[in-house]
N, C-alpha and C. Protein backbone atom coordinates (compact mmCIF):
# COMPACT_ATOMS: atom_id res chain seq x y z
N MET A 1 0.98 -0.89 -0.09
CA MET A 1 -0.03 0.11 0.06
C MET A 1 0.85 0.88 -0.28
N LYS A 2 0.87 2.13 -0.81
CA LYS A 2 1.35 3.24 -1.26
C LYS A 2 1.07 4.52 0.42
N LYS A 3 2.36 4.69 0.39
CA LYS A 3 2.66 5.94 1.63
C LYS A 3 1.92 7.08 2.15
N GLU A 4 0.83 7.00 1.12
CA GLU A 4 -0.62 8.17 1.37
C GLU A 4 -1.53 7.50 1.68
N ILE A 5 -2.02 6.54 0.92
CA ILE A 5 -3.23 6.00 1.48
C ILE A 5 -2.78 5.30 2.48
N GLU A 6 -1.83 4.68 3.44
CA GLU A 6 -1.74 3.91 4.19
C GLU A 6 -1.55 5.58 5.91
N ASN A 7 -1.20 6.29 5.26
CA ASN A 7 -1.43 7.46 6.50
C ASN A 7 -2.63 7.98 6.15
N TRP A 8 -3.78 8.36 5.75
CA TRP A 8 -4.92 8.29 5.40
C TRP A 8 -5.97 7.81 6.37
N LEU A 9 -5.55 6.10 5.82
CA LEU A 9 -6.26 5.18 7.12
C LEU A 9 -5.77 4.86 8.47
N SER A 10 -4.39 5.31 8.56
CA SER A 10 -3.84 5.27 9.93
C SER A 10 -4.23 6.23 10.21
N SER A 11 -4.33 7.55 9.76
CA SER A 11 -5.12 8.92 10.57
C SER A 11 -6.71 8.37 10.62
N ALA A 12 -7.37 8.09 9.80
CA ALA A 12 -8.87 7.69 10.16
C ALA A 12 -9.20 6.62 11.39
N ARG A 13 -7.86 5.39 11.63
CA ARG A 13 -8.30 4.35 12.79
C ARG A 13 -7.50 5.68 14.24
N TYR A 14 -6.61 6.36 14.00
CA TYR A 14 -6.69 7.26 14.65
C TYR A 14 -7.61 8.38 15.70
N ASP A 15 -8.08 8.34 14.69
CA ASP A 15 -9.33 9.52 14.96
C ASP A 15 -10.85 8.69 15.18
N LEU A 16 -10.83 7.13 14.96
CA LEU A 16 -11.94 6.24 15.47
C LEU A 16 -11.12 6.56 17.38
N ALA A 17 -10.06 6.29 17.37
CA ALA A 17 -9.85 6.33 19.04
C ALA A 17 -10.02 7.47 19.68
N VAL A 18 -9.79 8.57 19.40
CA VAL A 18 -10.42 9.57 19.50
C VAL A 18 -12.13 9.80 20.29
N ALA A 19 -12.73 9.74 19.01
CA ALA A 19 -14.25 9.51 19.07
C ALA A 19 -14.62 8.61 20.35
N LYS A 20 -13.53 7.14 20.37
CA LYS A 20 -14.01 7.06 21.78
C LYS A 20 -13.47 7.25 22.71
N ASP A 21 -12.75 8.60 23.01
CA ASP A 21 -12.20 8.52 23.83
C ASP A 21 -13.23 10.10 24.27
N MET A 22 -13.85 10.44 23.11
CA MET A 22 -14.67 11.83 23.89
C MET A 22 -15.95 11.43 24.02
N LEU A 23 -16.50 9.77 23.57
CA LEU A 23 -17.69 9.01 23.79
C LEU A 23 -17.41 9.09 26.04
N GLU A 24 -16.55 8.45 26.03
CA GLU A 24 -15.91 8.14 27.90
C GLU A 24 -15.71 9.58 28.18
N ALA A 25 -15.55 10.67 27.46
CA ALA A 25 -15.31 11.69 28.31
C ALA A 25 -17.29 12.02 28.36
N ASP A 26 -17.93 11.65 27.81
CA ASP A 26 -19.37 12.00 27.51
C ASP A 26 -19.41 13.26 26.73
N ARG A 27 -18.36 13.36 25.48
CA ARG A 27 -18.69 15.08 24.93
C ARG A 27 -19.05 14.25 23.32
N TYR A 28 -20.42 13.73 23.45
CA TYR A 28 -21.04 13.10 22.61
C TYR A 28 -20.86 13.79 20.89
N PRO A 29 -20.99 14.81 21.23
CA PRO A 29 -21.31 16.11 20.23
C PRO A 29 -19.83 15.22 18.35
N TYR A 30 -18.88 15.49 19.96
CA TYR A 30 -17.48 15.52 19.40
C TYR A 30 -17.01 13.81 19.02
N THR A 31 -17.92 13.07 20.05
CA THR A 31 -17.87 11.71 18.82
C THR A 31 -18.20 11.30 17.97
N VAL A 32 -19.20 12.70 18.00
CA VAL A 32 -19.36 12.56 15.94
C VAL A 32 -18.95 12.90 15.07
N PHE A 33 -17.92 14.36 15.50
CA PHE A 33 -17.47 14.83 14.26
C PHE A 33 -16.24 13.71 14.30
N PHE A 34 -15.79 13.38 15.00
CA PHE A 34 -14.77 12.63 14.77
C PHE A 34 -15.12 11.17 14.45
N CYS A 35 -15.82 10.51 14.71
CA CYS A 35 -16.49 9.51 13.46
C CYS A 35 -16.57 10.57 12.40
N HIS A 36 -17.68 11.57 11.83
CA HIS A 36 -17.27 11.74 10.64
C HIS A 36 -16.00 11.86 10.53
N LEU A 37 -15.01 12.44 10.78
CA LEU A 37 -13.59 12.87 10.23
C LEU A 37 -12.55 11.63 10.10
N ALA A 38 -13.11 10.25 10.96
CA ALA A 38 -12.16 8.83 10.36
C ALA A 38 -13.21 8.33 8.79
N VAL A 39 -14.32 8.55 9.40
CA VAL A 39 -15.05 7.68 7.69
C VAL A 39 -14.35 8.72 6.57
N GLU A 40 -14.36 10.04 6.97
CA GLU A 40 -13.77 11.14 5.56
C GLU A 40 -12.94 10.28 5.05
N LYS A 41 -11.91 10.27 6.53
CA LYS A 41 -10.16 10.12 6.16
C LYS A 41 -10.57 8.73 5.43
N ALA A 42 -10.93 7.77 5.60
CA ALA A 42 -10.84 6.42 5.21
C ALA A 42 -11.82 7.00 3.54
N LEU A 43 -12.37 7.47 3.01
CA LEU A 43 -12.89 8.14 2.26
C LEU A 43 -11.62 8.60 0.99
N LYS A 44 -11.01 9.61 1.88
CA LYS A 44 -9.90 10.10 1.13
C LYS A 44 -8.61 8.95 0.90
N ALA A 45 -8.73 7.93 1.92
CA ALA A 45 -7.88 6.83 1.42
C ALA A 45 -7.88 6.30 -0.24
N LYS A 46 -9.60 5.79 -0.21
CA LYS A 46 -10.11 5.60 -1.39
C LYS A 46 -9.93 5.65 -2.84
N VAL A 47 -9.88 7.34 -2.32
CA VAL A 47 -9.66 9.07 -3.51
C VAL A 47 -8.16 8.77 -3.49
N GLN A 48 -7.51 8.64 -3.16
CA GLN A 48 -6.15 8.60 -3.18
C GLN A 48 -5.62 7.67 -4.04
N GLU A 49 -5.96 6.42 -3.77
CA GLU A 49 -5.80 4.80 -4.44
C GLU A 49 -6.31 4.76 -6.12
N VAL A 50 -7.55 5.39 -6.36
CA VAL A 50 -8.07 5.69 -7.34
C VAL A 50 -7.72 6.31 -8.27
N THR A 51 -7.30 7.86 -7.49
CA THR A 51 -7.27 9.05 -8.79
C THR A 51 -5.71 9.30 -8.43
N GLY A 52 -5.06 8.45 -8.22
CA GLY A 52 -3.14 9.19 -7.91
C GLY A 52 -2.79 10.12 -7.20
N ARG A 53 -4.00 10.72 -6.46
CA ARG A 53 -3.98 12.37 -6.73
C ARG A 53 -4.62 12.20 -4.99
N THR A 54 -3.76 13.82 -4.72
CA THR A 54 -4.27 14.21 -3.34
C THR A 54 -6.13 14.32 -3.41
N PRO A 55 -7.14 13.35 -2.30
CA PRO A 55 -7.96 14.20 -2.28
C PRO A 55 -8.34 15.49 -2.49
N PRO A 56 -9.44 16.15 -2.74
CA PRO A 56 -9.97 17.12 -2.30
C PRO A 56 -10.15 17.39 -1.03
N LYS A 57 -10.73 19.09 -0.55
CA LYS A 57 -10.01 19.51 0.72
C LYS A 57 -11.18 19.73 0.72
N ILE A 58 -12.28 18.48 0.93
CA ILE A 58 -13.88 18.59 1.56
C ILE A 58 -14.68 17.61 2.33
N HIS A 59 -15.33 18.15 2.79
CA HIS A 59 -16.15 17.36 4.05
C HIS A 59 -17.29 16.36 3.32
N ASP A 60 -17.91 16.43 2.52
CA ASP A 60 -18.74 15.64 1.91
C ASP A 60 -18.94 14.71 1.57
N LEU A 61 -19.15 13.30 2.42
CA LEU A 61 -18.64 12.30 2.71
C LEU A 61 -19.56 11.69 1.32
N VAL A 62 -20.96 11.85 1.21
CA VAL A 62 -21.54 11.40 0.16
C VAL A 62 -20.79 11.88 -1.20
N ALA A 63 -19.97 13.16 -2.01
CA ALA A 63 -18.70 13.60 -3.14
C ALA A 63 -17.77 12.60 -2.68
N LEU A 64 -17.20 12.51 -1.65
CA LEU A 64 -16.11 12.06 -1.49
C LEU A 64 -16.49 10.39 -1.96
N LEU A 65 -17.50 9.80 -1.32
CA LEU A 65 -18.07 8.72 -1.88
C LEU A 65 -17.79 7.95 -3.24
N LYS A 66 -18.26 9.28 -4.11
CA LYS A 66 -18.60 9.02 -5.48
C LYS A 66 -17.60 8.51 -5.93
N LEU A 67 -16.21 9.66 -5.16
CA LEU A 67 -15.16 9.44 -6.04
C LEU A 67 -14.48 8.24 -5.88
N THR A 68 -14.62 7.75 -5.06
CA THR A 68 -13.91 6.38 -4.89
C THR A 68 -14.60 5.36 -5.32
N GLN A 69 -15.85 5.27 -6.14
CA GLN A 69 -16.09 4.45 -6.98
C GLN A 69 -16.77 2.66 -6.05
N LEU A 70 -17.25 3.19 -4.97
CA LEU A 70 -17.09 2.09 -4.03
C LEU A 70 -19.19 2.43 -3.99
N ALA A 71 -19.52 0.84 -3.99
CA ALA A 71 -21.16 0.34 -3.76
C ALA A 71 -20.71 -0.02 -2.26
N PRO A 72 -21.08 0.87 -1.29
CA PRO A 72 -21.24 -0.18 -0.17
C PRO A 72 -22.85 -0.39 0.23
N PRO A 73 -22.66 -1.59 0.87
CA PRO A 73 -23.97 -2.06 1.45
C PRO A 73 -25.10 -1.09 1.88
N PRO A 74 -25.96 -1.48 2.08
CA PRO A 74 -26.96 0.05 2.10
C PRO A 74 -27.03 0.11 2.90
N GLU A 75 -26.65 -0.62 4.51
CA GLU A 75 -26.80 0.22 5.72
C GLU A 75 -25.30 1.24 5.81
N LEU A 76 -24.72 0.65 5.18
CA LEU A 76 -23.29 1.40 5.38
C LEU A 76 -23.75 3.12 4.39
N LEU A 77 -24.31 2.77 3.17
CA LEU A 77 -24.42 3.83 2.68
C LEU A 77 -25.25 4.79 3.21
N ASP A 78 -26.54 4.91 3.85
CA ASP A 78 -27.21 5.12 4.56
C ASP A 78 -26.66 6.09 5.83
N PHE A 79 -25.73 5.36 6.33
CA PHE A 79 -25.28 6.07 7.27
C PHE A 79 -24.19 6.61 7.02
N ILE A 80 -23.76 6.32 5.64
CA ILE A 80 -22.70 8.02 4.99
C ILE A 80 -23.51 8.91 4.46
N GLY A 81 -24.60 8.90 4.16
CA GLY A 81 -25.22 10.04 4.49
C GLY A 81 -25.84 10.44 5.87
N LYS A 82 -26.33 10.21 6.47
CA LYS A 82 -26.51 10.34 7.53
C LYS A 82 -25.52 11.25 8.60
N LEU A 83 -24.26 10.50 8.97
CA LEU A 83 -23.04 10.65 9.21
C LEU A 83 -22.21 12.67 8.58
N SER A 84 -23.16 12.52 6.96
CA SER A 84 -22.70 13.61 6.64
C SER A 84 -23.07 14.69 6.99
N GLY A 85 -24.47 14.39 7.22
CA GLY A 85 -25.68 15.58 7.28
C GLY A 85 -25.10 16.01 8.88
N ALA A 86 -24.89 14.84 9.53
CA ALA A 86 -24.44 15.70 11.16
C ALA A 86 -23.13 15.57 11.65
N SER A 87 -22.39 16.24 10.96
CA SER A 87 -21.48 16.89 10.59
C SER A 87 -20.89 18.42 11.14
N THR A 88 -22.57 18.84 9.99
CA THR A 88 -22.45 20.23 9.78
C THR A 88 -22.64 20.79 11.48
N ALA A 89 -23.73 20.13 11.70
CA ALA A 89 -24.20 20.27 13.24
C ALA A 89 -23.52 20.37 14.22
N THR A 90 -22.65 19.26 14.09
CA THR A 90 -21.84 19.55 15.32
C THR A 90 -20.24 20.54 14.96
N ARG A 91 -19.98 20.53 13.97
CA ARG A 91 -19.13 21.10 13.03
C ARG A 91 -19.48 22.98 13.13
N TYR A 92 -20.84 23.50 13.29
CA TYR A 92 -21.73 24.44 13.22
C TYR A 92 -22.56 24.61 13.88
N PRO A 93 -22.79 24.75 14.85
CA PRO A 93 -23.53 24.18 15.77
C PRO A 93 -24.40 25.45 16.22
N THR A 94 -25.62 25.75 16.41
CA THR A 94 -26.64 26.80 15.95
C THR A 94 -27.14 26.91 17.44
N ASP A 95 -27.33 25.56 18.24
CA ASP A 95 -28.38 25.95 19.42
C ASP A 95 -27.35 24.24 20.20
N LEU A 96 -26.16 25.11 21.02
CA LEU A 96 -25.76 23.96 22.09
C LEU A 96 -26.10 22.92 22.72
N ALA A 97 -27.82 23.32 23.44
CA ALA A 97 -28.47 23.37 23.50
C ALA A 97 -29.23 21.99 23.59
N GLU A 98 -30.01 22.27 22.00
CA GLU A 98 -30.73 21.03 21.31
C GLU A 98 -29.49 19.80 20.38
N LEU A 99 -28.18 20.48 20.46
CA LEU A 99 -26.99 19.51 19.89
C LEU A 99 -27.07 18.58 20.87
N LEU A 100 -26.36 19.11 22.32
CA LEU A 100 -26.52 18.11 23.26
C LEU A 100 -27.61 17.18 23.65
N ARG A 101 -28.74 17.64 23.28
CA ARG A 101 -30.34 16.87 23.74
C ARG A 101 -29.99 15.48 22.31
N THR A 102 -29.93 15.71 21.11
CA THR A 102 -29.64 15.22 19.78
C THR A 102 -28.81 14.06 20.12
N TYR A 103 -27.68 14.29 20.96
CA TYR A 103 -26.85 13.50 20.32
C TYR A 103 -26.07 12.63 21.83
N THR A 104 -26.64 11.90 22.35
CA THR A 104 -26.73 11.48 23.96
C THR A 104 -25.95 9.91 24.02
N LEU A 105 -25.17 9.55 24.96
CA LEU A 105 -25.09 8.36 25.02
C LEU A 105 -25.27 7.66 23.58
N GLU A 106 -26.70 6.48 23.57
CA GLU A 106 -26.52 5.97 23.11
C GLU A 106 -26.63 6.55 21.01
N ALA A 107 -27.09 7.65 21.44
CA ALA A 107 -26.48 8.01 19.74
C ALA A 107 -25.22 8.07 19.11
N ALA A 108 -24.65 8.23 20.60
CA ALA A 108 -23.01 8.49 20.17
C ALA A 108 -22.65 6.93 20.05
N GLN A 109 -22.95 5.95 20.93
CA GLN A 109 -22.08 4.94 20.88
C GLN A 109 -23.15 4.32 19.50
N GLU A 110 -23.80 4.76 19.15
CA GLU A 110 -24.14 4.16 17.84
C GLU A 110 -23.92 4.22 16.38
N TYR A 111 -23.45 5.84 16.61
CA TYR A 111 -22.79 6.52 15.30
C TYR A 111 -21.22 5.79 15.21
N LEU A 112 -20.69 5.26 16.91
CA LEU A 112 -19.24 5.11 16.65
C LEU A 112 -19.17 3.97 16.10
N ARG A 113 -20.07 2.91 16.71
CA ARG A 113 -20.63 1.37 15.91
C ARG A 113 -20.04 1.76 14.61
N GLN A 114 -21.32 2.29 14.19
CA GLN A 114 -21.42 2.34 12.31
C GLN A 114 -19.92 2.82 12.31
N ALA A 115 -19.52 4.07 12.52
CA ALA A 115 -18.38 4.80 11.74
C ALA A 115 -17.16 3.39 11.93
N LYS A 116 -17.26 2.28 13.04
CA LYS A 116 -16.13 1.60 13.38
C LYS A 116 -16.11 0.45 12.02
N GLU A 117 -17.78 0.31 11.70
CA GLU A 117 -17.41 -0.81 10.92
C GLU A 117 -17.61 0.48 9.51
N THR A 118 -17.69 1.19 9.20
CA THR A 118 -17.52 1.81 7.56
C THR A 118 -16.53 2.15 7.55
N VAL A 119 -15.53 2.67 8.43
CA VAL A 119 -14.03 2.36 8.21
C VAL A 119 -12.99 1.47 7.75
N GLU A 120 -13.81 0.47 8.52
CA GLU A 120 -13.04 -0.91 8.25
C GLU A 120 -13.79 -1.35 6.68
N TRP A 121 -14.86 -1.35 6.51
CA TRP A 121 -15.51 -1.56 5.35
C TRP A 121 -14.30 -1.53 3.97
N ILE A 122 -14.26 0.05 4.07
CA ILE A 122 -13.89 0.74 3.41
C ILE A 122 -12.44 0.07 3.17
N ALA A 123 -11.30 -0.09 4.01
CA ALA A 123 -10.17 -0.26 4.62
C ALA A 123 -10.40 -1.34 3.62
N GLY A 124 -11.10 -2.47 3.73
CA GLY A 124 -10.95 -3.85 3.01
C GLY A 124 -11.44 -4.03 1.95
N GLN A 125 -11.49 -2.83 1.22
CA GLN A 125 -11.71 -2.38 -0.49
C GLN A 125 -10.44 -2.01 -1.00
N LEU A 126 -9.55 -1.54 -0.27
CA LEU A 126 -7.97 -0.77 -0.43
C LEU A 126 -7.65 -2.01 -1.14
N LYS A 127 -6.34 -2.12 -2.04
CA LYS A 127 -5.16 -2.75 -2.17
C LYS A 127 -4.18 -2.81 -1.66
N SER A 128 -3.25 -4.19 -1.28
CA SER A 128 -3.00 -4.20 -0.26
C SER A 128 -1.85 -3.45 -1.31
C-alpha cells in the first residue's frame, strides 16, 4: 500500500480512537464529529488510491464516496449520508442545548459503532 494511502487510513483509525475517548469523556457531539472525520479520511484513502492524487479538501462524505467508485452495502450507504449531515451540526452548532439533546450517549455509541464498521469496510476495499 502506498505511503499516502496508508497515512489516510492510519489517521482514520486514530480518529476513531479519539471518538471513543470523547464518548468516554461524555462529549457526545465530539464523538460524532470524530466519527465523521474518521470516515472522511478512510474515504480519502480510497480516493487517493483510485485517482493517484491528493483528495479534495472537502467534508462531504457523499461527494467523496462518489469519487471512490465504491458501492457500499445499503446500511453503510445510509449511514454515510446520515453522518455527512450530522457533521454540519457538530461543526457549526447553532444551538448547543439542542445539539446536546440530539447526541445522547446512546446516539453517540451507535455513531461510533457504525463509523468503525464503515472505516473497516472501506479499508477492506483498499488494495494491499
